[in-house]
């Protein structure tokens, strides 16, 4: 399976931190929690997160934007299984992981409200990327030279 640079970096970064230093974070809204609050987060495979998929219209709108915008926008993309076509999700790509025990299926954690609204009630959570609340991540759009200059 093809994985993006962001996913690979996230896997390596996660392994280097170890389980004790990891802060739970919601891939849909970005909220983080202390390890003591981790029980409020649920880990789910992307096949259960259809509500977070881009519609065809959203996909077209994204692809019409300049590449600089696309790099900063919080979007997780993957190739559809058995296809050359790409799927786009309203998820922070840094927070999507590969599950080595489930045939390389991607999974992510969702906070209580994003799980309830998105999975249980099948509506876009109020403060999620899918509902337009995306601050983006600046370092995604910077060149290596700019990262060194800004220290990110």
N, C-alpha and C. Protein backbone atom coordinates (compact mmCIF):
# COMPACT_ATOMS: atom_id res chain seq x y z
N UNK A 1 0.83 -1.18 0.00
CA UNK A 1 0.00 0.00 0.00
C UNK A 1 0.88 1.24 0.00
N UNK A 2 0.49 2.22 -0.78
CA UNK A 2 1.20 3.48 -0.87
C UNK A 2 0.87 4.35 0.35
N UNK A 3 1.88 4.89 1.02
CA UNK A 3 1.63 5.82 2.11
C UNK A 3 2.32 7.14 1.81
N UNK A 4 1.71 8.22 2.27
CA UNK A 4 2.26 9.54 2.00
C UNK A 4 3.42 9.83 2.96
N UNK A 5 4.18 10.84 2.63
CA UNK A 5 5.31 11.25 3.47
C UNK A 5 4.83 11.62 4.87
N UNK A 6 3.68 12.32 4.97
CA UNK A 6 3.15 12.71 6.28
C UNK A 6 2.85 11.49 7.15
N UNK A 7 2.24 10.47 6.55
CA UNK A 7 1.91 9.27 7.32
C UNK A 7 3.19 8.58 7.78
N UNK A 8 4.17 8.47 6.89
CA UNK A 8 5.43 7.81 7.25
C UNK A 8 6.12 8.57 8.39
N UNK A 9 6.18 9.91 8.28
CA UNK A 9 6.82 10.71 9.32
C UNK A 9 6.08 10.55 10.64
N UNK A 10 4.75 10.52 10.59
CA UNK A 10 3.97 10.36 11.80
C UNK A 10 4.27 9.02 12.48
N UNK A 11 4.39 7.97 11.68
CA UNK A 11 4.70 6.65 12.25
C UNK A 11 6.07 6.64 12.92
N UNK A 12 7.06 7.22 12.26
CA UNK A 12 8.41 7.26 12.83
C UNK A 12 8.45 8.14 14.08
N UNK A 13 7.77 9.27 14.03
CA UNK A 13 7.72 10.19 15.17
C UNK A 13 7.04 9.52 16.36
N UNK A 14 5.92 8.84 16.10
CA UNK A 14 5.19 8.15 17.17
C UNK A 14 6.03 7.08 17.82
N UNK A 15 6.79 6.33 17.03
CA UNK A 15 7.65 5.29 17.59
C UNK A 15 8.76 5.88 18.45
N UNK A 16 9.27 7.04 18.05
CA UNK A 16 10.37 7.63 18.81
C UNK A 16 9.89 8.21 20.14
N UNK A 17 8.63 8.64 20.22
CA UNK A 17 8.13 9.21 21.46
C UNK A 17 7.82 8.15 22.51
N UNK A 18 7.30 7.05 22.09
CA UNK A 18 6.89 6.03 23.03
C UNK A 18 5.48 6.30 23.52
N UNK A 19 4.86 5.30 24.08
CA UNK A 19 3.45 5.39 24.48
C UNK A 19 3.22 6.38 25.62
N UNK A 20 4.18 6.54 26.52
CA UNK A 20 3.95 7.40 27.69
C UNK A 20 3.92 8.88 27.37
N UNK A 21 4.57 9.28 26.28
CA UNK A 21 4.66 10.70 25.97
C UNK A 21 3.61 11.14 24.96
N UNK A 22 2.74 10.25 24.55
CA UNK A 22 1.77 10.55 23.51
C UNK A 22 0.54 11.24 24.09
N UNK A 23 0.13 12.35 23.48
CA UNK A 23 -1.10 13.03 23.87
C UNK A 23 -2.20 12.62 22.90
N UNK A 24 -3.32 12.11 23.40
CA UNK A 24 -4.41 11.78 22.49
C UNK A 24 -4.88 13.03 21.76
N UNK A 25 -5.22 12.89 20.48
CA UNK A 25 -5.69 14.02 19.69
C UNK A 25 -6.74 13.53 18.71
N UNK A 26 -7.75 14.34 18.51
CA UNK A 26 -8.84 14.02 17.60
C UNK A 26 -8.43 14.40 16.18
N UNK A 27 -8.52 13.44 15.26
CA UNK A 27 -8.13 13.69 13.87
C UNK A 27 -9.14 14.56 13.13
N UNK A 28 -10.34 14.70 13.68
CA UNK A 28 -11.38 15.48 13.01
C UNK A 28 -11.40 16.95 13.43
N UNK A 29 -11.11 17.23 14.71
CA UNK A 29 -11.16 18.62 15.17
C UNK A 29 -9.81 19.11 15.72
N UNK A 30 -8.90 18.19 16.02
CA UNK A 30 -7.57 18.57 16.48
C UNK A 30 -7.43 18.77 17.97
N UNK A 31 -8.52 18.65 18.73
CA UNK A 31 -8.42 18.85 20.17
C UNK A 31 -7.56 17.77 20.79
N UNK A 32 -6.73 18.17 21.74
CA UNK A 32 -5.84 17.24 22.43
C UNK A 32 -6.28 17.06 23.87
N UNK A 33 -5.88 15.96 24.45
CA UNK A 33 -6.25 15.68 25.83
C UNK A 33 -5.04 15.17 26.58
N UNK A 34 -5.10 15.28 27.88
CA UNK A 34 -4.06 14.69 28.72
C UNK A 34 -4.23 13.17 28.68
N UNK A 35 -3.14 12.43 28.91
CA UNK A 35 -3.25 10.96 28.89
C UNK A 35 -4.33 10.44 29.84
N UNK A 36 -4.60 11.15 30.93
CA UNK A 36 -5.63 10.70 31.88
C UNK A 36 -7.04 10.78 31.27
N UNK A 37 -7.22 11.60 30.22
CA UNK A 37 -8.52 11.73 29.56
C UNK A 37 -8.62 10.88 28.30
N UNK A 38 -7.66 10.01 28.08
CA UNK A 38 -7.60 9.22 26.84
C UNK A 38 -8.81 8.31 26.67
N UNK A 39 -9.49 7.95 27.74
CA UNK A 39 -10.62 7.04 27.63
C UNK A 39 -11.79 7.66 26.87
N UNK A 40 -11.79 8.98 26.70
CA UNK A 40 -12.86 9.65 25.96
C UNK A 40 -12.64 9.59 24.45
N UNK A 41 -11.51 9.06 24.01
CA UNK A 41 -11.17 8.97 22.58
C UNK A 41 -11.41 7.56 22.08
N UNK A 42 -11.85 7.46 20.83
CA UNK A 42 -12.10 6.15 20.22
C UNK A 42 -11.27 6.03 18.95
N UNK A 43 -10.62 4.90 18.79
CA UNK A 43 -9.82 4.64 17.59
C UNK A 43 -10.69 3.89 16.59
N UNK A 44 -10.77 4.43 15.37
CA UNK A 44 -11.63 3.85 14.35
C UNK A 44 -10.91 3.77 13.01
N UNK A 45 -11.26 2.76 12.22
CA UNK A 45 -10.74 2.66 10.86
C UNK A 45 -11.44 3.65 9.95
N UNK A 46 -10.75 4.10 8.91
CA UNK A 46 -11.33 5.09 8.00
C UNK A 46 -12.56 4.57 7.26
N UNK A 47 -12.68 3.26 7.13
CA UNK A 47 -13.86 2.73 6.43
C UNK A 47 -15.16 3.03 7.19
N UNK A 48 -15.05 3.41 8.46
CA UNK A 48 -16.23 3.77 9.26
C UNK A 48 -16.50 5.28 9.27
N UNK A 49 -15.67 6.04 8.57
CA UNK A 49 -15.74 7.50 8.66
C UNK A 49 -16.20 8.16 7.36
N UNK A 50 -17.24 7.64 6.76
CA UNK A 50 -17.73 8.20 5.50
C UNK A 50 -18.15 9.66 5.62
N UNK A 51 -18.64 10.07 6.77
CA UNK A 51 -19.08 11.45 6.96
C UNK A 51 -17.92 12.43 6.80
N UNK A 52 -16.69 11.94 7.01
CA UNK A 52 -15.50 12.81 6.89
C UNK A 52 -14.89 12.79 5.49
N UNK A 53 -15.45 12.01 4.58
CA UNK A 53 -14.95 11.99 3.20
C UNK A 53 -15.38 13.27 2.48
N UNK A 54 -14.54 13.72 1.56
CA UNK A 54 -14.87 14.84 0.71
C UNK A 54 -15.97 14.42 -0.26
N UNK A 55 -16.91 15.31 -0.52
CA UNK A 55 -17.86 15.10 -1.61
C UNK A 55 -17.10 15.39 -2.90
N UNK A 56 -17.67 15.00 -4.02
CA UNK A 56 -17.03 15.28 -5.31
C UNK A 56 -16.86 16.79 -5.51
N UNK A 57 -17.85 17.57 -5.07
CA UNK A 57 -17.78 19.03 -5.20
C UNK A 57 -16.64 19.59 -4.34
N UNK A 58 -16.51 19.10 -3.11
CA UNK A 58 -15.42 19.56 -2.24
C UNK A 58 -14.06 19.20 -2.81
N UNK A 59 -13.97 18.02 -3.38
CA UNK A 59 -12.72 17.57 -4.00
C UNK A 59 -12.34 18.47 -5.17
N UNK A 60 -13.31 18.80 -6.01
CA UNK A 60 -13.06 19.68 -7.16
C UNK A 60 -12.61 21.07 -6.69
N UNK A 61 -13.28 21.60 -5.65
CA UNK A 61 -12.93 22.92 -5.13
C UNK A 61 -11.50 22.93 -4.59
N UNK A 62 -11.12 21.87 -3.88
CA UNK A 62 -9.76 21.79 -3.34
C UNK A 62 -8.73 21.76 -4.46
N UNK A 63 -8.96 20.94 -5.46
CA UNK A 63 -7.99 20.77 -6.53
C UNK A 63 -7.88 22.00 -7.43
N UNK A 64 -8.87 22.89 -7.39
CA UNK A 64 -8.80 24.15 -8.14
C UNK A 64 -7.95 25.20 -7.44
N UNK A 65 -7.69 25.01 -6.15
CA UNK A 65 -6.92 25.98 -5.37
C UNK A 65 -5.43 25.85 -5.70
N UNK A 66 -4.66 26.91 -5.45
CA UNK A 66 -3.21 26.83 -5.67
C UNK A 66 -2.58 25.74 -4.80
N UNK A 67 -1.50 25.16 -5.27
CA UNK A 67 -0.83 24.07 -4.56
C UNK A 67 -0.38 24.49 -3.17
N UNK A 68 -0.02 25.76 -2.98
CA UNK A 68 0.40 26.25 -1.67
C UNK A 68 -0.74 26.13 -0.67
N UNK A 69 -1.96 26.45 -1.12
CA UNK A 69 -3.14 26.32 -0.26
C UNK A 69 -3.39 24.85 0.06
N UNK A 70 -3.30 24.00 -0.94
CA UNK A 70 -3.55 22.57 -0.74
C UNK A 70 -2.59 21.96 0.28
N UNK A 71 -1.34 22.43 0.30
CA UNK A 71 -0.35 21.90 1.23
C UNK A 71 -0.68 22.26 2.67
N UNK A 72 -1.23 23.45 2.89
CA UNK A 72 -1.49 23.93 4.25
C UNK A 72 -2.82 23.39 4.78
N UNK A 73 -3.77 23.16 3.92
CA UNK A 73 -5.09 22.67 4.32
C UNK A 73 -4.98 21.30 4.96
N UNK A 74 -5.76 21.07 5.98
CA UNK A 74 -5.76 19.78 6.69
C UNK A 74 -6.62 18.78 5.92
N UNK A 75 -5.95 17.92 5.17
CA UNK A 75 -6.61 16.92 4.34
C UNK A 75 -5.79 15.64 4.40
N UNK A 76 -6.46 14.51 4.64
CA UNK A 76 -5.79 13.22 4.55
C UNK A 76 -6.24 12.60 3.23
N UNK A 77 -5.27 12.18 2.42
CA UNK A 77 -5.64 11.53 1.16
C UNK A 77 -4.99 10.16 1.07
N UNK A 78 -5.72 9.27 0.41
CA UNK A 78 -5.21 7.91 0.18
C UNK A 78 -5.79 7.40 -1.12
N UNK A 79 -5.10 6.42 -1.69
CA UNK A 79 -5.63 5.79 -2.90
C UNK A 79 -6.76 4.84 -2.49
N UNK A 80 -7.83 4.88 -3.28
CA UNK A 80 -8.93 3.95 -3.02
C UNK A 80 -8.41 2.53 -3.20
N UNK A 81 -8.88 1.63 -2.38
CA UNK A 81 -8.44 0.23 -2.46
C UNK A 81 -8.79 -0.35 -3.83
N UNK A 82 -7.78 -0.88 -4.50
CA UNK A 82 -7.97 -1.49 -5.81
C UNK A 82 -8.22 -0.50 -6.93
N UNK A 83 -7.78 0.75 -6.75
CA UNK A 83 -8.05 1.77 -7.75
C UNK A 83 -6.87 2.75 -7.79
N UNK A 84 -6.81 3.51 -8.86
CA UNK A 84 -5.80 4.56 -8.97
C UNK A 84 -6.37 5.92 -8.52
N UNK A 85 -7.63 5.94 -8.17
CA UNK A 85 -8.30 7.18 -7.77
C UNK A 85 -8.01 7.48 -6.30
N UNK A 86 -7.94 8.78 -5.98
CA UNK A 86 -7.66 9.22 -4.61
C UNK A 86 -8.95 9.52 -3.86
N UNK A 87 -8.94 9.19 -2.55
CA UNK A 87 -10.00 9.59 -1.63
C UNK A 87 -9.44 10.67 -0.72
N UNK A 88 -10.27 11.65 -0.40
CA UNK A 88 -9.87 12.75 0.46
C UNK A 88 -10.76 12.76 1.70
N UNK A 89 -10.13 13.00 2.86
CA UNK A 89 -10.86 13.03 4.12
C UNK A 89 -10.59 14.35 4.84
N UNK A 90 -11.60 14.85 5.54
CA UNK A 90 -11.47 16.02 6.39
C UNK A 90 -10.85 15.59 7.72
N UNK A 91 -9.59 15.22 7.69
CA UNK A 91 -8.87 14.75 8.88
C UNK A 91 -7.45 15.30 8.87
N UNK A 92 -6.89 15.53 10.05
CA UNK A 92 -5.50 15.94 10.13
C UNK A 92 -4.63 14.77 9.70
N UNK A 93 -3.83 14.92 8.63
CA UNK A 93 -3.04 13.78 8.15
C UNK A 93 -2.01 13.30 9.17
N UNK A 94 -1.54 14.20 10.02
CA UNK A 94 -0.55 13.82 11.04
C UNK A 94 -1.15 12.89 12.09
N UNK A 95 -2.48 12.82 12.16
CA UNK A 95 -3.15 12.03 13.20
C UNK A 95 -3.78 10.75 12.67
N UNK A 96 -3.53 10.44 11.41
CA UNK A 96 -4.01 9.17 10.84
C UNK A 96 -2.83 8.21 10.84
N UNK A 97 -3.08 6.99 11.32
CA UNK A 97 -2.02 5.99 11.45
C UNK A 97 -2.40 4.73 10.69
N UNK A 98 -1.39 3.94 10.35
CA UNK A 98 -1.64 2.62 9.76
C UNK A 98 -1.72 1.59 10.87
N UNK A 99 -2.73 0.74 10.79
CA UNK A 99 -2.86 -0.35 11.75
C UNK A 99 -2.20 -1.58 11.13
N UNK A 100 -1.04 -1.94 11.64
CA UNK A 100 -0.27 -3.05 11.07
C UNK A 100 -0.99 -4.39 11.21
N UNK A 101 -1.90 -4.51 12.18
CA UNK A 101 -2.61 -5.77 12.39
C UNK A 101 -3.87 -5.90 11.53
N UNK A 102 -4.29 -4.85 10.86
CA UNK A 102 -5.54 -4.89 10.09
C UNK A 102 -5.29 -4.63 8.61
N UNK A 103 -4.41 -5.42 8.00
CA UNK A 103 -4.13 -5.29 6.56
C UNK A 103 -3.83 -3.86 6.16
N UNK A 104 -3.03 -3.18 6.98
CA UNK A 104 -2.60 -1.81 6.67
C UNK A 104 -3.76 -0.82 6.58
N UNK A 105 -4.89 -1.11 7.19
CA UNK A 105 -6.02 -0.17 7.21
C UNK A 105 -5.64 1.04 8.05
N UNK A 106 -5.94 2.23 7.54
CA UNK A 106 -5.66 3.44 8.30
C UNK A 106 -6.71 3.60 9.39
N UNK A 107 -6.27 4.21 10.49
CA UNK A 107 -7.18 4.47 11.59
C UNK A 107 -6.80 5.77 12.26
N UNK A 108 -7.72 6.32 13.02
CA UNK A 108 -7.46 7.56 13.73
C UNK A 108 -8.31 7.58 14.99
N UNK A 109 -7.96 8.50 15.88
CA UNK A 109 -8.74 8.68 17.10
C UNK A 109 -9.68 9.86 16.94
N UNK A 110 -10.87 9.71 17.50
CA UNK A 110 -11.85 10.79 17.52
C UNK A 110 -12.24 11.07 18.96
N UNK A 111 -12.43 12.36 19.27
CA UNK A 111 -12.91 12.74 20.59
C UNK A 111 -14.40 12.36 20.69
N UNK A 112 -14.94 12.43 21.89
CA UNK A 112 -16.34 12.07 22.11
C UNK A 112 -17.33 12.79 21.21
N UNK A 113 -17.28 14.14 21.14
CA UNK A 113 -18.23 14.85 20.28
C UNK A 113 -18.09 14.51 18.78
N UNK A 114 -16.87 14.36 18.29
CA UNK A 114 -16.68 14.03 16.87
C UNK A 114 -17.10 12.61 16.57
N UNK A 115 -16.96 11.70 17.54
CA UNK A 115 -17.44 10.34 17.35
C UNK A 115 -18.96 10.33 17.36
N UNK A 116 -19.56 10.99 18.36
CA UNK A 116 -21.02 10.97 18.47
C UNK A 116 -21.67 11.61 17.25
N UNK A 117 -21.25 12.83 16.91
CA UNK A 117 -21.87 13.52 15.77
C UNK A 117 -21.54 12.82 14.46
N UNK A 118 -20.26 12.53 14.23
CA UNK A 118 -19.82 12.01 12.94
C UNK A 118 -20.16 10.57 12.68
N UNK A 119 -19.98 9.71 13.66
CA UNK A 119 -20.17 8.27 13.44
C UNK A 119 -21.57 7.84 13.86
N UNK A 120 -21.95 8.21 15.06
CA UNK A 120 -23.24 7.76 15.59
C UNK A 120 -24.42 8.48 14.92
N UNK A 121 -24.35 9.83 14.84
CA UNK A 121 -25.46 10.60 14.29
C UNK A 121 -25.32 10.92 12.80
N UNK A 122 -24.17 10.61 12.19
CA UNK A 122 -23.90 10.85 10.76
C UNK A 122 -24.12 12.31 10.35
N UNK A 123 -23.61 13.23 11.17
CA UNK A 123 -23.60 14.64 10.79
C UNK A 123 -22.22 15.21 11.07
N UNK A 124 -21.87 16.26 10.39
CA UNK A 124 -20.55 16.85 10.55
C UNK A 124 -20.46 17.61 11.87
N UNK A 125 -19.50 17.23 12.71
CA UNK A 125 -19.38 17.90 14.01
C UNK A 125 -19.13 19.40 13.89
N UNK A 126 -19.68 20.15 14.81
CA UNK A 126 -19.66 21.61 14.77
C UNK A 126 -18.25 22.19 14.63
N UNK A 127 -17.29 21.70 15.39
CA UNK A 127 -15.95 22.29 15.40
C UNK A 127 -14.92 21.46 14.63
N UNK A 128 -15.37 20.69 13.67
CA UNK A 128 -14.46 19.82 12.92
C UNK A 128 -14.02 20.46 11.61
N UNK A 129 -12.97 19.89 11.05
CA UNK A 129 -12.47 20.33 9.74
C UNK A 129 -13.59 20.16 8.70
N UNK A 130 -14.36 19.07 8.81
CA UNK A 130 -15.43 18.80 7.86
C UNK A 130 -16.49 19.89 7.85
N UNK A 131 -16.60 20.62 8.95
CA UNK A 131 -17.58 21.70 9.05
C UNK A 131 -16.94 23.07 8.80
N UNK A 132 -15.71 23.07 8.29
CA UNK A 132 -15.06 24.32 7.91
C UNK A 132 -14.16 24.94 8.96
N UNK A 133 -13.97 24.29 10.10
CA UNK A 133 -13.10 24.82 11.14
C UNK A 133 -11.72 24.19 10.97
N UNK A 134 -10.87 24.86 10.19
CA UNK A 134 -9.53 24.35 9.92
C UNK A 134 -8.55 25.50 9.96
N UNK A 135 -7.67 25.48 10.93
CA UNK A 135 -6.64 26.51 11.02
C UNK A 135 -5.46 26.19 10.11
N UNK A 136 -5.44 24.98 9.55
CA UNK A 136 -4.31 24.58 8.71
C UNK A 136 -3.06 24.39 9.57
N UNK A 137 -2.03 23.91 8.96
CA UNK A 137 -0.75 23.72 9.64
C UNK A 137 0.31 24.32 8.74
N UNK A 138 0.86 25.44 9.17
CA UNK A 138 1.77 26.22 8.33
C UNK A 138 2.98 25.43 7.86
N UNK A 139 3.57 24.60 8.73
CA UNK A 139 4.80 23.90 8.35
C UNK A 139 4.62 23.00 7.14
N UNK A 140 3.39 22.59 6.82
CA UNK A 140 3.17 21.76 5.63
C UNK A 140 3.49 22.52 4.36
N UNK A 141 3.30 23.84 4.35
CA UNK A 141 3.50 24.63 3.15
C UNK A 141 4.86 25.27 3.03
N UNK A 142 5.75 25.02 4.00
CA UNK A 142 7.07 25.65 3.98
C UNK A 142 8.10 24.77 3.29
N UNK A 143 9.04 25.40 2.63
CA UNK A 143 10.17 24.66 2.06
C UNK A 143 11.14 24.31 3.19
N UNK A 144 12.10 23.44 2.92
CA UNK A 144 13.11 23.08 3.94
C UNK A 144 13.87 24.30 4.41
N UNK A 145 14.20 25.18 3.48
CA UNK A 145 14.95 26.39 3.84
C UNK A 145 14.10 27.29 4.75
N UNK A 146 12.81 27.44 4.45
CA UNK A 146 11.93 28.25 5.28
C UNK A 146 11.77 27.63 6.67
N UNK A 147 11.67 26.30 6.74
CA UNK A 147 11.55 25.63 8.05
C UNK A 147 12.77 25.91 8.91
N UNK A 148 13.97 25.83 8.30
CA UNK A 148 15.19 26.12 9.06
C UNK A 148 15.20 27.56 9.54
N UNK A 149 14.74 28.47 8.68
CA UNK A 149 14.72 29.90 9.02
C UNK A 149 13.77 30.17 10.19
N UNK A 150 12.56 29.55 10.15
CA UNK A 150 11.57 29.79 11.19
C UNK A 150 11.70 28.84 12.37
N UNK A 151 12.56 27.84 12.25
CA UNK A 151 12.80 26.92 13.34
C UNK A 151 11.67 25.95 13.59
N UNK A 152 10.89 25.63 12.55
CA UNK A 152 9.78 24.69 12.77
C UNK A 152 10.17 23.29 12.36
